[in-house]
Amino acid sequence: MSDPESPRYRIHPLCAWRRIEDRVFVLNDRDAFVTLDDPVGLVVWQVLEQRPCSLDELVEAVAARFDVAVEEARRDLVEFLEALLAGRAIDAA
């Protein structure tokens, strides 16, 4: 169960994005592109397309899809989410 106080990540409301085959192209509100084409990034985006999620929920989704330890998934996702936040592809509330 996720902590109700933890941030919930969502696709940034001011970005435009399009999924084309095995890639997601994101244009943020500052006219910068972010391209997601790795399997983990695509899973994270797919989950966020459905609903805002906590870090715990995203870790669970990645760990369930890939053969990876929960601790490793968490560590990698924190770094990945920070990059998406910096690129204004997602935000957190």
N, C-alpha and C. Protein backbone atom coordinates (compact mmCIF):
# COMPACT_ATOMS: atom_id res chain seq x y z
N MET A 1 0.85 -1.18 0.00
CA MET A 1 0.00 0.00 0.00
C MET A 1 0.89 1.24 0.00
N SER A 2 0.53 2.23 -0.76
CA SER A 2 1.35 3.43 -0.85
C SER A 2 0.98 4.43 0.25
N ASP A 3 1.95 5.24 0.59
CA ASP A 3 1.80 6.26 1.61
C ASP A 3 0.95 7.40 1.05
N PRO A 4 -0.16 7.77 1.73
CA PRO A 4 -1.01 8.85 1.20
C PRO A 4 -0.29 10.19 1.15
N GLU A 5 0.80 10.33 1.89
CA GLU A 5 1.56 11.58 1.89
C GLU A 5 2.59 11.64 0.76
N SER A 6 2.87 10.52 0.10
CA SER A 6 3.89 10.51 -0.95
C SER A 6 3.34 11.21 -2.19
N PRO A 7 4.23 11.81 -2.97
CA PRO A 7 3.76 12.52 -4.17
C PRO A 7 3.14 11.55 -5.17
N ARG A 8 2.22 12.06 -5.95
CA ARG A 8 1.59 11.29 -7.01
C ARG A 8 2.08 11.90 -8.32
N TYR A 9 2.68 11.07 -9.13
CA TYR A 9 3.22 11.50 -10.41
C TYR A 9 2.14 11.39 -11.47
N ARG A 10 2.16 12.35 -12.40
CA ARG A 10 1.22 12.32 -13.50
C ARG A 10 1.88 12.96 -14.71
N ILE A 11 1.32 12.71 -15.87
CA ILE A 11 1.79 13.37 -17.08
C ILE A 11 1.52 14.86 -16.92
N HIS A 12 2.51 15.67 -17.20
CA HIS A 12 2.37 17.12 -17.03
C HIS A 12 1.20 17.62 -17.87
N PRO A 13 0.30 18.39 -17.27
CA PRO A 13 -0.89 18.82 -18.01
C PRO A 13 -0.60 19.79 -19.15
N LEU A 14 0.57 20.39 -19.18
CA LEU A 14 0.90 21.35 -20.24
C LEU A 14 1.77 20.75 -21.34
N CYS A 15 1.95 19.44 -21.32
CA CYS A 15 2.75 18.83 -22.37
C CYS A 15 1.84 18.13 -23.37
N ALA A 16 2.35 17.97 -24.56
CA ALA A 16 1.68 17.20 -25.60
C ALA A 16 2.53 15.97 -25.86
N TRP A 17 1.90 14.86 -26.12
CA TRP A 17 2.68 13.65 -26.35
C TRP A 17 1.96 12.75 -27.34
N ARG A 18 2.75 11.88 -27.93
CA ARG A 18 2.20 10.93 -28.90
C ARG A 18 3.01 9.65 -28.81
N ARG A 19 2.31 8.53 -28.79
CA ARG A 19 2.95 7.22 -28.86
C ARG A 19 2.97 6.79 -30.32
N ILE A 20 4.17 6.48 -30.81
CA ILE A 20 4.33 5.98 -32.17
C ILE A 20 5.19 4.72 -32.08
N GLU A 21 4.55 3.60 -32.39
CA GLU A 21 5.18 2.29 -32.28
C GLU A 21 5.77 2.12 -30.89
N ASP A 22 7.06 1.92 -30.78
CA ASP A 22 7.70 1.67 -29.48
C ASP A 22 8.40 2.90 -28.93
N ARG A 23 7.82 4.07 -29.17
CA ARG A 23 8.39 5.31 -28.66
C ARG A 23 7.27 6.24 -28.22
N VAL A 24 7.59 7.06 -27.24
CA VAL A 24 6.69 8.14 -26.84
C VAL A 24 7.47 9.44 -27.01
N PHE A 25 6.88 10.36 -27.73
CA PHE A 25 7.49 11.67 -27.96
C PHE A 25 6.69 12.69 -27.15
N VAL A 26 7.40 13.44 -26.33
CA VAL A 26 6.77 14.42 -25.45
C VAL A 26 7.31 15.80 -25.79
N LEU A 27 6.42 16.74 -25.98
CA LEU A 27 6.79 18.15 -26.18
C LEU A 27 6.30 18.89 -24.95
N ASN A 28 7.25 19.46 -24.18
CA ASN A 28 6.83 20.15 -22.96
C ASN A 28 6.43 21.58 -23.27
N ASP A 29 6.03 22.30 -22.25
CA ASP A 29 5.53 23.67 -22.43
C ASP A 29 6.64 24.67 -22.74
N ARG A 30 7.86 24.20 -22.80
CA ARG A 30 9.00 25.07 -23.16
C ARG A 30 9.58 24.68 -24.51
N ASP A 31 8.79 23.96 -25.31
CA ASP A 31 9.19 23.52 -26.64
C ASP A 31 10.42 22.61 -26.64
N ALA A 32 10.58 21.83 -25.60
CA ALA A 32 11.68 20.86 -25.54
C ALA A 32 11.09 19.46 -25.67
N PHE A 33 11.82 18.60 -26.35
CA PHE A 33 11.37 17.23 -26.57
C PHE A 33 12.00 16.28 -25.56
N VAL A 34 11.20 15.31 -25.16
CA VAL A 34 11.66 14.17 -24.40
C VAL A 34 11.20 12.96 -25.20
N THR A 35 12.09 12.02 -25.44
CA THR A 35 11.73 10.80 -26.16
C THR A 35 11.93 9.61 -25.23
N LEU A 36 10.90 8.80 -25.09
CA LEU A 36 10.99 7.58 -24.30
C LEU A 36 10.97 6.41 -25.27
N ASP A 37 12.03 5.61 -25.23
CA ASP A 37 12.07 4.46 -26.12
C ASP A 37 12.63 3.21 -25.45
N ASP A 38 12.91 3.29 -24.15
CA ASP A 38 13.37 2.10 -23.46
C ASP A 38 12.17 1.39 -22.84
N PRO A 39 12.23 0.09 -22.66
CA PRO A 39 11.08 -0.67 -22.15
C PRO A 39 10.56 -0.18 -20.80
N VAL A 40 11.44 0.16 -19.87
CA VAL A 40 11.00 0.61 -18.55
C VAL A 40 10.28 1.95 -18.67
N GLY A 41 10.85 2.87 -19.41
CA GLY A 41 10.21 4.17 -19.60
C GLY A 41 8.84 4.05 -20.23
N LEU A 42 8.70 3.12 -21.16
CA LEU A 42 7.41 2.93 -21.81
C LEU A 42 6.38 2.35 -20.83
N VAL A 43 6.81 1.46 -19.95
CA VAL A 43 5.89 0.92 -18.94
C VAL A 43 5.46 2.03 -17.98
N VAL A 44 6.40 2.83 -17.53
CA VAL A 44 6.08 3.93 -16.62
C VAL A 44 5.08 4.87 -17.30
N TRP A 45 5.32 5.24 -18.54
CA TRP A 45 4.42 6.15 -19.25
C TRP A 45 3.04 5.52 -19.42
N GLN A 46 3.01 4.23 -19.74
CA GLN A 46 1.74 3.54 -19.92
C GLN A 46 0.91 3.58 -18.63
N VAL A 47 1.56 3.38 -17.50
CA VAL A 47 0.86 3.44 -16.21
C VAL A 47 0.36 4.86 -15.97
N LEU A 48 1.20 5.86 -16.24
CA LEU A 48 0.80 7.25 -16.01
C LEU A 48 -0.29 7.71 -16.98
N GLU A 49 -0.39 7.08 -18.13
CA GLU A 49 -1.49 7.38 -19.06
C GLU A 49 -2.83 7.05 -18.42
N GLN A 50 -2.84 6.04 -17.56
CA GLN A 50 -4.08 5.56 -16.95
C GLN A 50 -4.50 6.38 -15.74
N ARG A 51 -3.49 6.82 -14.93
CA ARG A 51 -3.83 7.53 -13.69
C ARG A 51 -2.56 8.06 -13.04
N PRO A 52 -2.69 9.07 -12.18
CA PRO A 52 -1.55 9.50 -11.36
C PRO A 52 -1.16 8.36 -10.41
N CYS A 53 0.14 8.22 -10.16
CA CYS A 53 0.63 7.11 -9.35
C CYS A 53 1.72 7.56 -8.39
N SER A 54 1.81 6.86 -7.29
CA SER A 54 2.90 7.08 -6.34
C SER A 54 4.14 6.33 -6.83
N LEU A 55 5.25 6.63 -6.23
CA LEU A 55 6.48 5.91 -6.53
C LEU A 55 6.30 4.43 -6.25
N ASP A 56 5.65 4.08 -5.14
CA ASP A 56 5.43 2.67 -4.81
C ASP A 56 4.64 1.95 -5.90
N GLU A 57 3.63 2.59 -6.42
CA GLU A 57 2.82 1.98 -7.48
C GLU A 57 3.63 1.78 -8.76
N LEU A 58 4.47 2.74 -9.09
CA LEU A 58 5.32 2.61 -10.27
C LEU A 58 6.37 1.52 -10.07
N VAL A 59 6.93 1.44 -8.87
CA VAL A 59 7.90 0.38 -8.56
C VAL A 59 7.24 -0.98 -8.72
N GLU A 60 6.04 -1.12 -8.19
CA GLU A 60 5.32 -2.39 -8.31
C GLU A 60 5.08 -2.76 -9.77
N ALA A 61 4.69 -1.79 -10.59
CA ALA A 61 4.44 -2.05 -12.00
C ALA A 61 5.70 -2.50 -12.72
N VAL A 62 6.81 -1.84 -12.45
CA VAL A 62 8.07 -2.18 -13.11
C VAL A 62 8.58 -3.54 -12.62
N ALA A 63 8.53 -3.76 -11.31
CA ALA A 63 9.01 -5.03 -10.76
C ALA A 63 8.15 -6.21 -11.26
N ALA A 64 6.86 -5.98 -11.46
CA ALA A 64 5.99 -7.04 -11.95
C ALA A 64 6.26 -7.36 -13.42
N ARG A 65 6.67 -6.36 -14.17
CA ARG A 65 6.88 -6.53 -15.62
C ARG A 65 8.27 -7.06 -15.96
N PHE A 66 9.26 -6.68 -15.15
CA PHE A 66 10.65 -7.04 -15.44
C PHE A 66 11.23 -7.85 -14.30
N ASP A 67 12.22 -8.63 -14.60
CA ASP A 67 12.90 -9.44 -13.59
C ASP A 67 13.93 -8.56 -12.88
N VAL A 68 13.44 -7.79 -11.92
CA VAL A 68 14.30 -6.85 -11.21
C VAL A 68 13.87 -6.80 -9.74
N ALA A 69 14.84 -6.64 -8.87
CA ALA A 69 14.54 -6.52 -7.44
C ALA A 69 13.83 -5.20 -7.18
N VAL A 70 12.95 -5.20 -6.21
CA VAL A 70 12.18 -4.00 -5.87
C VAL A 70 13.11 -2.84 -5.51
N GLU A 71 14.17 -3.12 -4.75
CA GLU A 71 15.10 -2.06 -4.34
C GLU A 71 15.79 -1.44 -5.55
N GLU A 72 16.17 -2.28 -6.50
CA GLU A 72 16.83 -1.77 -7.71
C GLU A 72 15.86 -0.97 -8.56
N ALA A 73 14.63 -1.47 -8.68
CA ALA A 73 13.61 -0.74 -9.44
C ALA A 73 13.36 0.63 -8.81
N ARG A 74 13.27 0.68 -7.49
CA ARG A 74 13.03 1.94 -6.80
C ARG A 74 14.17 2.93 -7.05
N ARG A 75 15.39 2.46 -6.90
CA ARG A 75 16.56 3.32 -7.09
C ARG A 75 16.59 3.89 -8.52
N ASP A 76 16.36 3.02 -9.50
CA ASP A 76 16.39 3.47 -10.88
C ASP A 76 15.22 4.39 -11.21
N LEU A 77 14.05 4.08 -10.66
CA LEU A 77 12.87 4.92 -10.93
C LEU A 77 12.99 6.31 -10.34
N VAL A 78 13.58 6.42 -9.16
CA VAL A 78 13.77 7.74 -8.56
C VAL A 78 14.58 8.61 -9.51
N GLU A 79 15.66 8.07 -10.03
CA GLU A 79 16.51 8.81 -10.97
C GLU A 79 15.75 9.14 -12.26
N PHE A 80 15.02 8.16 -12.78
CA PHE A 80 14.26 8.35 -14.01
C PHE A 80 13.16 9.41 -13.84
N LEU A 81 12.43 9.33 -12.74
CA LEU A 81 11.36 10.30 -12.49
C LEU A 81 11.91 11.70 -12.30
N GLU A 82 13.08 11.82 -11.67
CA GLU A 82 13.71 13.14 -11.54
C GLU A 82 14.02 13.73 -12.91
N ALA A 83 14.48 12.89 -13.84
CA ALA A 83 14.77 13.37 -15.18
C ALA A 83 13.49 13.80 -15.90
N LEU A 84 12.40 13.04 -15.73
CA LEU A 84 11.13 13.42 -16.35
C LEU A 84 10.58 14.69 -15.73
N LEU A 85 10.74 14.85 -14.41
CA LEU A 85 10.32 16.09 -13.76
C LEU A 85 11.12 17.27 -14.28
N ALA A 86 12.43 17.12 -14.40
CA ALA A 86 13.28 18.20 -14.89
C ALA A 86 12.93 18.56 -16.34
N GLY A 87 12.54 17.57 -17.12
CA GLY A 87 12.15 17.81 -18.50
C GLY A 87 10.71 18.25 -18.67
N ARG A 88 10.00 18.39 -17.55
CA ARG A 88 8.61 18.83 -17.51
C ARG A 88 7.69 17.93 -18.33
N ALA A 89 8.05 16.63 -18.40
CA ALA A 89 7.17 15.66 -19.03
C ALA A 89 6.13 15.18 -18.03
N ILE A 90 6.51 15.19 -16.73
CA ILE A 90 5.57 14.83 -15.67
C ILE A 90 5.64 15.89 -14.59
N ASP A 91 4.68 15.84 -13.68
CA ASP A 91 4.76 16.66 -12.46
C ASP A 91 4.31 15.79 -11.31
N ALA A 92 4.45 16.31 -10.12
CA ALA A 92 4.09 15.57 -8.90
C ALA A 92 3.35 16.50 -7.96
N ALA A 93 2.35 15.94 -7.32
CA ALA A 93 1.57 16.72 -6.36
C ALA A 93 1.43 15.93 -5.06
